[in-house]
Amino acid sequence: MPSRADHIARAEENEAFAKSLDQAKPLYVDWGITVLFYSALHYVDAYLAIKPLHPPNHDARDTAIQNNGSLSPIYKDYRRLKDQSRAARYEIPNFDRSQFSAMNQRFENIKTLVLSKMG
């Protein structure tokens, strides 16, 4: 199982990659949102790894976030980011800079809360 440090490293790499993409191109924004979601996932998994809990799939992770008092405040942000990531991959929405900005704010909410809980 990946360690907390492994998850944090991957989250940081994904975040940097997502924010490096050209937001003037809808395809890049779509993928930027998807990569932000996976960065958020790794921040959550870093927190859960210290419990130790390693969700085997998205449904188990969603349940862990929703039912964990420390993580439940980010559940709506996490689900919206996850849903927009899915839309970007399968529905060809051609998101623009404003959608990336909105999803980045949700991502920052997740990142800030998780990092504050890990001290």
N, C-alpha and C. Protein backbone atom coordinates (compact mmCIF):
# COMPACT_ATOMS: atom_id res chain seq x y z
N MET A 1 0.84 -1.19 0.00
CA MET A 1 0.00 0.00 0.00
C MET A 1 0.88 1.25 0.00
N PRO A 2 0.48 2.26 -0.76
CA PRO A 2 1.25 3.50 -0.73
C PRO A 2 1.18 4.16 0.65
N SER A 3 2.25 4.82 1.01
CA SER A 3 2.32 5.52 2.29
C SER A 3 1.72 6.92 2.15
N ARG A 4 1.58 7.56 3.29
CA ARG A 4 1.12 8.95 3.29
C ARG A 4 2.02 9.80 2.42
N ALA A 5 3.34 9.64 2.56
CA ALA A 5 4.30 10.42 1.77
C ALA A 5 4.16 10.14 0.27
N ASP A 6 3.91 8.89 -0.08
CA ASP A 6 3.70 8.55 -1.50
C ASP A 6 2.48 9.28 -2.06
N HIS A 7 1.40 9.27 -1.30
CA HIS A 7 0.18 9.95 -1.75
C HIS A 7 0.40 11.46 -1.87
N ILE A 8 1.07 12.06 -0.91
CA ILE A 8 1.33 13.50 -0.96
C ILE A 8 2.19 13.84 -2.17
N ALA A 9 3.21 13.06 -2.42
CA ALA A 9 4.08 13.31 -3.57
C ALA A 9 3.28 13.24 -4.88
N ARG A 10 2.43 12.24 -5.01
CA ARG A 10 1.63 12.12 -6.24
C ARG A 10 0.62 13.24 -6.34
N ALA A 11 0.02 13.62 -5.23
CA ALA A 11 -0.93 14.74 -5.23
C ALA A 11 -0.25 16.02 -5.71
N GLU A 12 0.94 16.29 -5.21
CA GLU A 12 1.67 17.50 -5.60
C GLU A 12 2.05 17.46 -7.08
N GLU A 13 2.47 16.30 -7.56
CA GLU A 13 2.82 16.17 -8.98
C GLU A 13 1.60 16.40 -9.86
N ASN A 14 0.48 15.79 -9.50
CA ASN A 14 -0.75 15.97 -10.27
C ASN A 14 -1.21 17.42 -10.26
N GLU A 15 -1.14 18.05 -9.10
CA GLU A 15 -1.56 19.45 -9.00
C GLU A 15 -0.70 20.34 -9.91
N ALA A 16 0.60 20.17 -9.86
CA ALA A 16 1.49 20.97 -10.70
C ALA A 16 1.21 20.74 -12.18
N PHE A 17 0.97 19.50 -12.55
CA PHE A 17 0.67 19.19 -13.95
C PHE A 17 -0.64 19.84 -14.37
N ALA A 18 -1.68 19.70 -13.56
CA ALA A 18 -2.99 20.28 -13.90
C ALA A 18 -2.89 21.78 -14.11
N LYS A 19 -2.14 22.43 -13.24
CA LYS A 19 -2.05 23.89 -13.31
C LYS A 19 -1.09 24.37 -14.40
N SER A 20 -0.33 23.45 -14.99
CA SER A 20 0.58 23.82 -16.07
C SER A 20 -0.09 23.78 -17.44
N LEU A 21 -1.27 23.18 -17.52
CA LEU A 21 -1.94 23.03 -18.81
C LEU A 21 -2.50 24.37 -19.30
N ASP A 22 -2.51 24.56 -20.60
CA ASP A 22 -2.99 25.79 -21.23
C ASP A 22 -4.51 25.87 -21.10
N GLN A 23 -4.98 26.78 -20.27
CA GLN A 23 -6.41 26.90 -20.01
C GLN A 23 -7.18 27.56 -21.15
N ALA A 24 -6.48 27.96 -22.19
CA ALA A 24 -7.17 28.52 -23.36
C ALA A 24 -7.70 27.41 -24.27
N LYS A 25 -7.29 26.19 -24.02
CA LYS A 25 -7.70 25.06 -24.86
C LYS A 25 -8.66 24.17 -24.07
N PRO A 26 -9.91 24.04 -24.55
CA PRO A 26 -10.90 23.25 -23.81
C PRO A 26 -10.45 21.83 -23.48
N LEU A 27 -9.78 21.15 -24.38
CA LEU A 27 -9.32 19.79 -24.10
C LEU A 27 -8.36 19.79 -22.91
N TYR A 28 -7.51 20.77 -22.84
CA TYR A 28 -6.55 20.84 -21.73
C TYR A 28 -7.26 21.16 -20.42
N VAL A 29 -8.29 21.99 -20.48
CA VAL A 29 -9.07 22.29 -19.27
C VAL A 29 -9.78 21.03 -18.79
N ASP A 30 -10.37 20.29 -19.73
CA ASP A 30 -11.03 19.03 -19.35
C ASP A 30 -10.06 18.12 -18.61
N TRP A 31 -8.86 17.96 -19.16
CA TRP A 31 -7.87 17.09 -18.52
C TRP A 31 -7.32 17.72 -17.25
N GLY A 32 -7.23 19.04 -17.20
CA GLY A 32 -6.80 19.71 -15.97
C GLY A 32 -7.74 19.43 -14.82
N ILE A 33 -9.04 19.46 -15.09
CA ILE A 33 -10.03 19.15 -14.06
C ILE A 33 -9.90 17.70 -13.62
N THR A 34 -9.70 16.82 -14.56
CA THR A 34 -9.52 15.40 -14.23
C THR A 34 -8.30 15.19 -13.35
N VAL A 35 -7.20 15.83 -13.70
CA VAL A 35 -5.97 15.67 -12.91
C VAL A 35 -6.12 16.31 -11.54
N LEU A 36 -6.84 17.44 -11.44
CA LEU A 36 -7.12 18.02 -10.12
C LEU A 36 -7.89 17.04 -9.25
N PHE A 37 -8.85 16.33 -9.85
CA PHE A 37 -9.58 15.34 -9.08
C PHE A 37 -8.64 14.27 -8.53
N TYR A 38 -7.74 13.79 -9.36
CA TYR A 38 -6.84 12.74 -8.89
C TYR A 38 -5.84 13.28 -7.86
N SER A 39 -5.51 14.54 -7.95
CA SER A 39 -4.69 15.14 -6.90
C SER A 39 -5.47 15.15 -5.59
N ALA A 40 -6.73 15.57 -5.64
CA ALA A 40 -7.58 15.59 -4.44
C ALA A 40 -7.71 14.18 -3.87
N LEU A 41 -7.89 13.19 -4.74
CA LEU A 41 -8.00 11.81 -4.30
C LEU A 41 -6.75 11.40 -3.51
N HIS A 42 -5.59 11.77 -4.00
CA HIS A 42 -4.36 11.39 -3.30
C HIS A 42 -4.19 12.15 -1.98
N TYR A 43 -4.66 13.38 -1.90
CA TYR A 43 -4.63 14.07 -0.61
C TYR A 43 -5.53 13.34 0.39
N VAL A 44 -6.71 12.96 -0.05
CA VAL A 44 -7.63 12.21 0.82
C VAL A 44 -7.00 10.88 1.22
N ASP A 45 -6.43 10.18 0.26
CA ASP A 45 -5.81 8.88 0.58
C ASP A 45 -4.61 9.04 1.51
N ALA A 46 -3.91 10.14 1.42
CA ALA A 46 -2.80 10.40 2.36
C ALA A 46 -3.34 10.49 3.78
N TYR A 47 -4.45 11.20 3.95
CA TYR A 47 -5.06 11.30 5.28
C TYR A 47 -5.55 9.93 5.75
N LEU A 48 -6.23 9.22 4.89
CA LEU A 48 -6.78 7.92 5.27
C LEU A 48 -5.68 6.90 5.57
N ALA A 49 -4.54 7.03 4.91
CA ALA A 49 -3.43 6.09 5.10
C ALA A 49 -2.91 6.09 6.53
N ILE A 50 -3.07 7.22 7.22
CA ILE A 50 -2.58 7.27 8.60
C ILE A 50 -3.58 6.67 9.59
N LYS A 51 -4.75 6.23 9.11
CA LYS A 51 -5.79 5.69 9.98
C LYS A 51 -5.58 4.23 10.42
N PRO A 52 -5.03 3.26 9.81
CA PRO A 52 -4.74 3.13 8.38
C PRO A 52 -5.95 2.59 7.63
N LEU A 53 -6.33 3.29 6.61
CA LEU A 53 -7.45 2.90 5.76
C LEU A 53 -7.03 3.13 4.32
N HIS A 54 -7.19 2.12 3.50
CA HIS A 54 -6.81 2.20 2.09
C HIS A 54 -8.01 1.79 1.25
N PRO A 55 -8.87 2.75 0.87
CA PRO A 55 -10.07 2.41 0.11
C PRO A 55 -9.72 1.69 -1.19
N PRO A 56 -10.39 0.58 -1.47
CA PRO A 56 -10.08 -0.19 -2.66
C PRO A 56 -10.70 0.36 -3.94
N ASN A 57 -11.64 1.31 -3.80
CA ASN A 57 -12.31 1.86 -4.99
C ASN A 57 -12.94 3.22 -4.66
N HIS A 58 -13.49 3.84 -5.69
CA HIS A 58 -14.08 5.18 -5.50
C HIS A 58 -15.27 5.16 -4.53
N ASP A 59 -16.12 4.15 -4.62
CA ASP A 59 -17.28 4.10 -3.72
C ASP A 59 -16.87 4.03 -2.26
N ALA A 60 -15.88 3.20 -1.98
CA ALA A 60 -15.40 3.07 -0.59
C ALA A 60 -14.78 4.39 -0.12
N ARG A 61 -14.06 5.06 -1.01
CA ARG A 61 -13.46 6.35 -0.65
C ARG A 61 -14.55 7.39 -0.40
N ASP A 62 -15.56 7.43 -1.27
CA ASP A 62 -16.67 8.37 -1.08
C ASP A 62 -17.32 8.16 0.29
N THR A 63 -17.55 6.92 0.64
CA THR A 63 -18.16 6.59 1.93
C THR A 63 -17.26 7.01 3.08
N ALA A 64 -15.96 6.76 2.93
CA ALA A 64 -15.02 7.15 3.99
C ALA A 64 -15.02 8.66 4.20
N ILE A 65 -15.07 9.42 3.11
CA ILE A 65 -15.10 10.88 3.22
C ILE A 65 -16.39 11.33 3.89
N GLN A 66 -17.48 10.80 3.42
CA GLN A 66 -18.79 11.22 3.93
C GLN A 66 -18.97 10.87 5.40
N ASN A 67 -18.43 9.74 5.83
CA ASN A 67 -18.66 9.27 7.19
C ASN A 67 -17.58 9.64 8.19
N ASN A 68 -16.49 10.20 7.72
CA ASN A 68 -15.41 10.60 8.62
C ASN A 68 -15.63 12.04 9.03
N GLY A 69 -15.84 12.29 10.31
CA GLY A 69 -16.13 13.64 10.79
C GLY A 69 -15.08 14.67 10.40
N SER A 70 -13.84 14.24 10.27
CA SER A 70 -12.77 15.17 9.88
C SER A 70 -12.83 15.52 8.40
N LEU A 71 -13.32 14.59 7.58
CA LEU A 71 -13.35 14.81 6.13
C LEU A 71 -14.72 15.21 5.59
N SER A 72 -15.77 14.95 6.34
CA SER A 72 -17.12 15.20 5.82
C SER A 72 -17.35 16.64 5.34
N PRO A 73 -16.68 17.66 5.90
CA PRO A 73 -16.89 19.01 5.37
C PRO A 73 -16.48 19.20 3.90
N ILE A 74 -15.63 18.32 3.39
CA ILE A 74 -15.20 18.45 1.99
C ILE A 74 -15.96 17.52 1.05
N TYR A 75 -16.92 16.78 1.58
CA TYR A 75 -17.61 15.79 0.76
C TYR A 75 -18.24 16.41 -0.49
N LYS A 76 -18.94 17.52 -0.35
CA LYS A 76 -19.61 18.13 -1.51
C LYS A 76 -18.59 18.62 -2.54
N ASP A 77 -17.50 19.22 -2.07
CA ASP A 77 -16.46 19.66 -3.01
C ASP A 77 -15.84 18.47 -3.73
N TYR A 78 -15.56 17.41 -2.97
CA TYR A 78 -14.95 16.22 -3.55
C TYR A 78 -15.87 15.59 -4.60
N ARG A 79 -17.15 15.44 -4.25
CA ARG A 79 -18.11 14.83 -5.18
C ARG A 79 -18.29 15.67 -6.44
N ARG A 80 -18.33 16.99 -6.29
CA ARG A 80 -18.50 17.85 -7.47
C ARG A 80 -17.27 17.75 -8.37
N LEU A 81 -16.09 17.75 -7.78
CA LEU A 81 -14.87 17.61 -8.56
C LEU A 81 -14.83 16.24 -9.24
N LYS A 82 -15.22 15.21 -8.53
CA LYS A 82 -15.27 13.87 -9.12
C LYS A 82 -16.27 13.83 -10.28
N ASP A 83 -17.44 14.40 -10.09
CA ASP A 83 -18.46 14.40 -11.13
C ASP A 83 -18.02 15.18 -12.36
N GLN A 84 -17.37 16.31 -12.15
CA GLN A 84 -16.90 17.10 -13.28
C GLN A 84 -15.75 16.39 -14.00
N SER A 85 -14.93 15.67 -13.25
CA SER A 85 -13.87 14.87 -13.85
C SER A 85 -14.48 13.80 -14.75
N ARG A 86 -15.50 13.14 -14.26
CA ARG A 86 -16.18 12.11 -15.06
C ARG A 86 -16.78 12.74 -16.31
N ALA A 87 -17.43 13.88 -16.15
CA ALA A 87 -18.01 14.56 -17.30
C ALA A 87 -16.93 14.91 -18.33
N ALA A 88 -15.79 15.38 -17.85
CA ALA A 88 -14.70 15.75 -18.75
C ALA A 88 -14.21 14.55 -19.54
N ARG A 89 -14.21 13.40 -18.93
CA ARG A 89 -13.70 12.19 -19.59
C ARG A 89 -14.71 11.57 -20.54
N TYR A 90 -15.99 11.64 -20.23
CA TYR A 90 -16.96 10.87 -21.00
C TYR A 90 -18.00 11.69 -21.77
N GLU A 91 -18.22 12.94 -21.38
CA GLU A 91 -19.30 13.71 -21.98
C GLU A 91 -18.83 14.79 -22.95
N ILE A 92 -17.54 14.97 -23.08
CA ILE A 92 -16.93 15.96 -23.98
C ILE A 92 -17.56 17.35 -23.78
N PRO A 93 -17.48 17.90 -22.58
CA PRO A 93 -18.13 19.18 -22.31
C PRO A 93 -17.35 20.39 -22.82
N ASN A 94 -16.05 20.21 -23.11
CA ASN A 94 -15.21 21.34 -23.51
C ASN A 94 -15.31 22.48 -22.50
N PHE A 95 -14.95 22.17 -21.27
CA PHE A 95 -14.95 23.17 -20.21
C PHE A 95 -14.02 24.32 -20.58
N ASP A 96 -14.26 25.47 -19.97
CA ASP A 96 -13.39 26.61 -20.22
C ASP A 96 -12.70 27.03 -18.92
N ARG A 97 -11.97 28.11 -19.02
CA ARG A 97 -11.17 28.63 -17.91
C ARG A 97 -11.99 28.84 -16.64
N SER A 98 -13.25 29.27 -16.78
CA SER A 98 -14.08 29.54 -15.59
C SER A 98 -14.43 28.25 -14.85
N GLN A 99 -14.68 27.16 -15.59
CA GLN A 99 -14.94 25.88 -14.94
C GLN A 99 -13.69 25.37 -14.24
N PHE A 100 -12.52 25.56 -14.88
CA PHE A 100 -11.28 25.15 -14.22
C PHE A 100 -11.10 25.93 -12.93
N SER A 101 -11.36 27.22 -12.97
CA SER A 101 -11.22 28.06 -11.78
C SER A 101 -12.15 27.59 -10.66
N ALA A 102 -13.39 27.27 -11.02
CA ALA A 102 -14.35 26.81 -10.02
C ALA A 102 -13.92 25.47 -9.42
N MET A 103 -13.45 24.56 -10.27
CA MET A 103 -13.00 23.26 -9.77
C MET A 103 -11.70 23.39 -8.99
N ASN A 104 -10.86 24.33 -9.38
CA ASN A 104 -9.63 24.57 -8.62
C ASN A 104 -9.95 25.07 -7.22
N GLN A 105 -10.99 25.89 -7.09
CA GLN A 105 -11.38 26.36 -5.75
C GLN A 105 -11.85 25.19 -4.89
N ARG A 106 -12.62 24.29 -5.47
CA ARG A 106 -13.05 23.11 -4.73
C ARG A 106 -11.84 22.25 -4.34
N PHE A 107 -10.91 22.10 -5.29
CA PHE A 107 -9.68 21.36 -5.01
C PHE A 107 -8.92 22.00 -3.84
N GLU A 108 -8.77 23.32 -3.86
CA GLU A 108 -8.04 24.01 -2.80
C GLU A 108 -8.72 23.82 -1.45
N ASN A 109 -10.06 23.80 -1.44
CA ASN A 109 -10.79 23.54 -0.19
C ASN A 109 -10.43 22.16 0.35
N ILE A 110 -10.39 21.18 -0.53
CA ILE A 110 -10.05 19.81 -0.13
C ILE A 110 -8.62 19.74 0.39
N LYS A 111 -7.71 20.26 -0.39
CA LYS A 111 -6.29 20.24 -0.03
C LYS A 111 -6.04 20.93 1.33
N THR A 112 -6.63 22.10 1.50
CA THR A 112 -6.43 22.87 2.73
C THR A 112 -6.94 22.10 3.95
N LEU A 113 -8.14 21.55 3.84
CA LEU A 113 -8.69 20.82 4.99
C LEU A 113 -7.85 19.58 5.29
N VAL A 114 -7.53 18.79 4.26
CA VAL A 114 -6.78 17.56 4.50
C VAL A 114 -5.42 17.86 5.12
N LEU A 115 -4.71 18.83 4.58
CA LEU A 115 -3.39 19.14 5.12
C LEU A 115 -3.48 19.66 6.55
N SER A 116 -4.53 20.40 6.86
CA SER A 116 -4.69 20.90 8.24
C SER A 116 -4.96 19.76 9.22
N LYS A 117 -5.59 18.70 8.76
CA LYS A 117 -5.89 17.54 9.62
C LYS A 117 -4.67 16.65 9.83
N MET A 118 -3.72 16.74 8.91
CA MET A 118 -2.52 15.90 9.03
C MET A 118 -1.42 16.60 9.82
N GLY A 119 -1.60 17.92 10.03
CA GLY A 119 -0.66 18.69 10.84
C GLY A 119 0.69 18.69 10.27
